[in-house]
Amino acid sequence: MSVAGTYDVVTKTPMGDQKGTFTVNVSGDTFTGAVAGPMGDMEVKDGKVDGNNLSWKMDMKVPMPMELTCTATVDGDSISGKIDTGAFGSMDMSGTRAG
C-alpha cells in the first residue's frame, strides 16, 4: 500500500494534543503536502520517501516561529512519528488514514 494519502493525526505537544490533517502527495522518492490544523497550515519542505518511511521539514509560525524536523512511518492505514522542535525537544505524532 502506498504511503500517499490523507491522515487524521494528533501531535502530543506541551500545549496539549493538537489535531490536524496531514496530506502526503508522493512523486517517486519525494513528497509534497501539508499539515492543516487549528493553528494554521504548515507546508512540507524537503519531503523524502524511503519505502514506508517519510522525512520532511516544516516552518511553524504559531505560537512561535521555528523549523520542525519530522519523521514518520506508515504501517497500512496507521502513521506514527516524531516531530523534533530543536530546543523544545521531540513530540510524538500518530494517526490513521482518513476516509
N, C-alpha and C. Protein backbone atom coordinates (compact mmCIF):
# COMPACT_ATOMS: atom_id res chain seq x y z
N MET A 1 0.85 -1.18 0.00
CA MET A 1 0.00 0.00 0.00
C MET A 1 0.89 1.24 0.00
N SER A 2 0.47 2.22 -0.76
CA SER A 2 1.23 3.46 -0.87
C SER A 2 1.14 4.28 0.42
N VAL A 3 2.19 5.05 0.67
CA VAL A 3 2.16 5.97 1.82
C VAL A 3 1.37 7.23 1.49
N ALA A 4 1.05 7.44 0.21
CA ALA A 4 0.30 8.62 -0.20
C ALA A 4 -1.10 8.59 0.41
N GLY A 5 -1.62 9.77 0.73
CA GLY A 5 -2.97 9.84 1.25
C GLY A 5 -3.13 10.99 2.22
N THR A 6 -4.26 10.97 2.90
CA THR A 6 -4.58 11.97 3.90
C THR A 6 -4.78 11.26 5.23
N TYR A 7 -4.14 11.78 6.27
CA TYR A 7 -4.17 11.16 7.59
C TYR A 7 -4.72 12.14 8.62
N ASP A 8 -5.58 11.63 9.50
CA ASP A 8 -6.01 12.39 10.67
C ASP A 8 -4.98 12.12 11.76
N VAL A 9 -4.27 13.16 12.18
CA VAL A 9 -3.15 12.98 13.11
C VAL A 9 -3.35 13.77 14.39
N VAL A 10 -2.66 13.31 15.44
CA VAL A 10 -2.62 14.00 16.73
C VAL A 10 -1.15 14.12 17.12
N THR A 11 -0.73 15.33 17.46
CA THR A 11 0.63 15.56 17.94
C THR A 11 0.56 15.91 19.42
N LYS A 12 1.37 15.20 20.21
CA LYS A 12 1.43 15.43 21.65
C LYS A 12 2.38 16.60 21.91
N THR A 13 1.82 17.78 22.20
CA THR A 13 2.64 18.98 22.40
C THR A 13 2.59 19.43 23.85
N PRO A 14 3.50 20.32 24.25
CA PRO A 14 3.44 20.87 25.61
C PRO A 14 2.15 21.65 25.87
N MET A 15 1.46 22.07 24.80
CA MET A 15 0.20 22.80 24.94
C MET A 15 -1.00 21.86 24.84
N GLY A 16 -0.75 20.55 24.92
CA GLY A 16 -1.83 19.57 24.81
C GLY A 16 -1.86 18.94 23.43
N ASP A 17 -2.77 18.00 23.25
CA ASP A 17 -2.91 17.31 21.97
C ASP A 17 -3.37 18.28 20.89
N GLN A 18 -2.66 18.28 19.76
CA GLN A 18 -3.02 19.12 18.62
C GLN A 18 -3.45 18.21 17.47
N LYS A 19 -4.73 18.32 17.08
CA LYS A 19 -5.25 17.52 15.98
C LYS A 19 -5.03 18.24 14.66
N GLY A 20 -4.83 17.46 13.61
CA GLY A 20 -4.65 18.04 12.30
C GLY A 20 -4.87 17.02 11.20
N THR A 21 -4.74 17.49 9.98
CA THR A 21 -4.84 16.64 8.80
C THR A 21 -3.51 16.75 8.05
N PHE A 22 -2.88 15.59 7.81
CA PHE A 22 -1.58 15.52 7.15
C PHE A 22 -1.80 14.93 5.76
N THR A 23 -1.47 15.71 4.72
CA THR A 23 -1.63 15.26 3.35
C THR A 23 -0.27 14.90 2.77
N VAL A 24 -0.18 13.72 2.15
CA VAL A 24 1.06 13.21 1.57
C VAL A 24 0.81 12.94 0.09
N ASN A 25 1.49 13.70 -0.79
CA ASN A 25 1.40 13.52 -2.24
C ASN A 25 2.76 13.05 -2.74
N VAL A 26 2.86 11.76 -3.10
CA VAL A 26 4.14 11.14 -3.45
C VAL A 26 4.43 11.29 -4.94
N SER A 27 5.71 11.58 -5.23
CA SER A 27 6.22 11.59 -6.59
C SER A 27 7.60 10.96 -6.56
N GLY A 28 7.67 9.66 -6.90
CA GLY A 28 8.95 8.94 -6.84
C GLY A 28 9.42 8.80 -5.40
N ASP A 29 10.61 9.31 -5.12
CA ASP A 29 11.15 9.21 -3.75
C ASP A 29 11.03 10.52 -2.98
N THR A 30 10.14 11.41 -3.44
CA THR A 30 9.88 12.67 -2.73
C THR A 30 8.38 12.82 -2.52
N PHE A 31 8.02 13.74 -1.63
CA PHE A 31 6.60 14.04 -1.46
C PHE A 31 6.40 15.50 -1.09
N THR A 32 5.21 15.98 -1.41
CA THR A 32 4.76 17.30 -1.01
C THR A 32 3.51 17.11 -0.17
N GLY A 33 3.06 18.17 0.46
CA GLY A 33 1.86 18.09 1.27
C GLY A 33 1.85 19.17 2.31
N ALA A 34 1.00 18.97 3.31
CA ALA A 34 0.86 19.97 4.36
C ALA A 34 0.19 19.34 5.57
N VAL A 35 0.37 19.99 6.70
CA VAL A 35 -0.39 19.67 7.90
C VAL A 35 -1.31 20.86 8.15
N ALA A 36 -2.61 20.59 8.21
CA ALA A 36 -3.60 21.63 8.46
C ALA A 36 -4.20 21.39 9.84
N GLY A 37 -4.21 22.44 10.66
CA GLY A 37 -4.75 22.31 12.00
C GLY A 37 -5.29 23.63 12.50
N PRO A 38 -5.74 23.64 13.76
CA PRO A 38 -6.33 24.85 14.33
C PRO A 38 -5.39 26.05 14.38
N MET A 39 -4.08 25.80 14.40
CA MET A 39 -3.11 26.90 14.46
C MET A 39 -2.60 27.28 13.08
N GLY A 40 -3.25 26.79 12.03
CA GLY A 40 -2.86 27.14 10.67
C GLY A 40 -2.27 25.96 9.92
N ASP A 41 -1.87 26.22 8.69
CA ASP A 41 -1.30 25.20 7.82
C ASP A 41 0.22 25.33 7.78
N MET A 42 0.89 24.18 7.67
CA MET A 42 2.34 24.15 7.51
C MET A 42 2.65 23.28 6.29
N GLU A 43 3.34 23.86 5.32
CA GLU A 43 3.71 23.13 4.11
C GLU A 43 4.91 22.23 4.37
N VAL A 44 4.91 21.06 3.73
CA VAL A 44 6.04 20.14 3.78
C VAL A 44 7.18 20.71 2.96
N LYS A 45 8.40 20.68 3.52
CA LYS A 45 9.62 21.07 2.80
C LYS A 45 10.54 19.86 2.76
N ASP A 46 11.24 19.66 1.66
CA ASP A 46 12.25 18.60 1.54
C ASP A 46 11.68 17.23 1.90
N GLY A 47 10.45 16.94 1.46
CA GLY A 47 9.83 15.65 1.76
C GLY A 47 10.52 14.51 1.03
N LYS A 48 10.89 13.48 1.77
CA LYS A 48 11.57 12.31 1.21
C LYS A 48 10.82 11.04 1.60
N VAL A 49 10.75 10.09 0.66
CA VAL A 49 10.10 8.81 0.88
C VAL A 49 11.13 7.71 0.73
N ASP A 50 11.21 6.80 1.71
CA ASP A 50 12.10 5.64 1.65
C ASP A 50 11.27 4.44 2.10
N GLY A 51 10.64 3.76 1.13
CA GLY A 51 9.73 2.66 1.47
C GLY A 51 8.51 3.22 2.18
N ASN A 52 8.31 2.77 3.45
CA ASN A 52 7.18 3.26 4.25
C ASN A 52 7.59 4.39 5.18
N ASN A 53 8.83 4.89 5.04
CA ASN A 53 9.35 5.94 5.92
C ASN A 53 9.32 7.30 5.23
N LEU A 54 8.89 8.30 5.98
CA LEU A 54 8.84 9.67 5.48
C LEU A 54 9.75 10.55 6.33
N SER A 55 10.37 11.53 5.71
CA SER A 55 11.11 12.56 6.44
C SER A 55 10.86 13.89 5.75
N TRP A 56 10.73 14.95 6.55
CA TRP A 56 10.43 16.27 6.00
C TRP A 56 10.69 17.35 7.05
N LYS A 57 10.58 18.59 6.61
CA LYS A 57 10.69 19.74 7.50
C LYS A 57 9.46 20.63 7.30
N MET A 58 9.15 21.43 8.31
CA MET A 58 8.05 22.39 8.23
C MET A 58 8.45 23.64 8.99
N ASP A 59 7.95 24.77 8.54
CA ASP A 59 8.17 26.04 9.25
C ASP A 59 6.92 26.36 10.05
N MET A 60 7.03 26.26 11.37
CA MET A 60 5.92 26.61 12.25
C MET A 60 5.92 28.12 12.45
N LYS A 61 4.73 28.71 12.43
CA LYS A 61 4.61 30.16 12.63
C LYS A 61 4.01 30.49 13.99
N VAL A 62 3.07 29.65 14.48
CA VAL A 62 2.33 29.89 15.72
C VAL A 62 2.55 28.72 16.66
N PRO A 63 2.80 28.87 17.94
CA PRO A 63 2.81 30.13 18.67
C PRO A 63 4.14 30.89 18.55
N MET A 64 5.17 30.25 17.99
CA MET A 64 6.44 30.96 17.77
C MET A 64 7.11 30.36 16.54
N PRO A 65 7.80 31.17 15.76
CA PRO A 65 8.46 30.65 14.56
C PRO A 65 9.60 29.69 14.90
N MET A 66 9.58 28.53 14.25
CA MET A 66 10.70 27.58 14.36
C MET A 66 10.58 26.55 13.25
N GLU A 67 11.73 25.96 12.89
CA GLU A 67 11.73 24.90 11.90
C GLU A 67 11.59 23.57 12.61
N LEU A 68 10.67 22.74 12.13
CA LEU A 68 10.44 21.42 12.68
C LEU A 68 11.05 20.38 11.75
N THR A 69 11.72 19.38 12.32
CA THR A 69 12.28 18.27 11.57
C THR A 69 11.47 17.03 11.92
N CYS A 70 10.89 16.39 10.91
CA CYS A 70 9.90 15.34 11.15
C CYS A 70 10.26 14.02 10.48
N THR A 71 9.88 12.93 11.13
CA THR A 71 9.99 11.59 10.56
C THR A 71 8.72 10.83 10.91
N ALA A 72 8.33 9.91 10.03
CA ALA A 72 7.15 9.09 10.30
C ALA A 72 7.25 7.80 9.50
N THR A 73 6.55 6.79 10.00
CA THR A 73 6.45 5.50 9.32
C THR A 73 4.98 5.19 9.12
N VAL A 74 4.65 4.77 7.91
CA VAL A 74 3.28 4.35 7.59
C VAL A 74 3.24 2.83 7.65
N ASP A 75 2.26 2.30 8.40
CA ASP A 75 2.05 0.86 8.51
C ASP A 75 0.59 0.59 8.19
N GLY A 76 0.31 0.23 6.93
CA GLY A 76 -1.07 0.05 6.50
C GLY A 76 -1.79 1.38 6.51
N ASP A 77 -2.81 1.50 7.36
CA ASP A 77 -3.57 2.75 7.46
C ASP A 77 -3.15 3.58 8.67
N SER A 78 -2.07 3.19 9.34
CA SER A 78 -1.59 3.92 10.52
C SER A 78 -0.31 4.67 10.20
N ILE A 79 -0.14 5.80 10.88
CA ILE A 79 1.09 6.58 10.75
C ILE A 79 1.55 6.95 12.15
N SER A 80 2.86 6.88 12.38
CA SER A 80 3.41 7.32 13.67
C SER A 80 4.78 7.91 13.42
N GLY A 81 5.14 8.88 14.25
CA GLY A 81 6.43 9.51 14.04
C GLY A 81 6.79 10.49 15.13
N LYS A 82 7.83 11.25 14.84
CA LYS A 82 8.38 12.24 15.78
C LYS A 82 8.53 13.57 15.07
N ILE A 83 8.28 14.62 15.82
CA ILE A 83 8.49 15.98 15.34
C ILE A 83 9.50 16.62 16.28
N ASP A 84 10.67 16.93 15.74
CA ASP A 84 11.76 17.50 16.54
C ASP A 84 11.69 19.01 16.45
N THR A 85 11.55 19.66 17.60
CA THR A 85 11.45 21.12 17.64
C THR A 85 12.78 21.79 17.94
N GLY A 86 13.84 20.99 18.08
CA GLY A 86 15.13 21.58 18.42
C GLY A 86 15.22 21.81 19.91
N ALA A 87 15.27 23.07 20.33
CA ALA A 87 15.46 23.43 21.73
C ALA A 87 14.32 22.94 22.63
N PHE A 88 13.14 22.70 22.06
CA PHE A 88 12.00 22.29 22.87
C PHE A 88 11.77 20.78 22.87
N GLY A 89 12.70 20.03 22.28
CA GLY A 89 12.62 18.57 22.32
C GLY A 89 11.76 17.99 21.20
N SER A 90 11.40 16.73 21.40
CA SER A 90 10.69 15.96 20.39
C SER A 90 9.26 15.68 20.84
N MET A 91 8.34 15.67 19.88
CA MET A 91 6.93 15.39 20.16
C MET A 91 6.49 14.19 19.35
N ASP A 92 5.64 13.34 19.94
CA ASP A 92 5.10 12.18 19.24
C ASP A 92 3.91 12.59 18.39
N MET A 93 3.81 11.97 17.21
CA MET A 93 2.69 12.19 16.30
C MET A 93 2.16 10.83 15.88
N SER A 94 0.85 10.67 15.83
CA SER A 94 0.27 9.42 15.36
C SER A 94 -1.09 9.69 14.73
N GLY A 95 -1.55 8.75 13.93
CA GLY A 95 -2.85 8.94 13.32
C GLY A 95 -3.22 7.78 12.41
N THR A 96 -4.34 7.95 11.73
CA THR A 96 -4.86 6.94 10.81
C THR A 96 -5.27 7.60 9.51
N ARG A 97 -5.26 6.79 8.46
CA ARG A 97 -5.64 7.25 7.13
C ARG A 97 -7.10 7.71 7.17
N ALA A 98 -7.37 8.86 6.61
CA ALA A 98 -8.73 9.41 6.60
C ALA A 98 -9.55 8.70 5.52
N GLY A 99 -10.86 8.62 5.74
CA GLY A 99 -11.73 8.07 4.73
C GLY A 99 -12.09 6.67 5.05
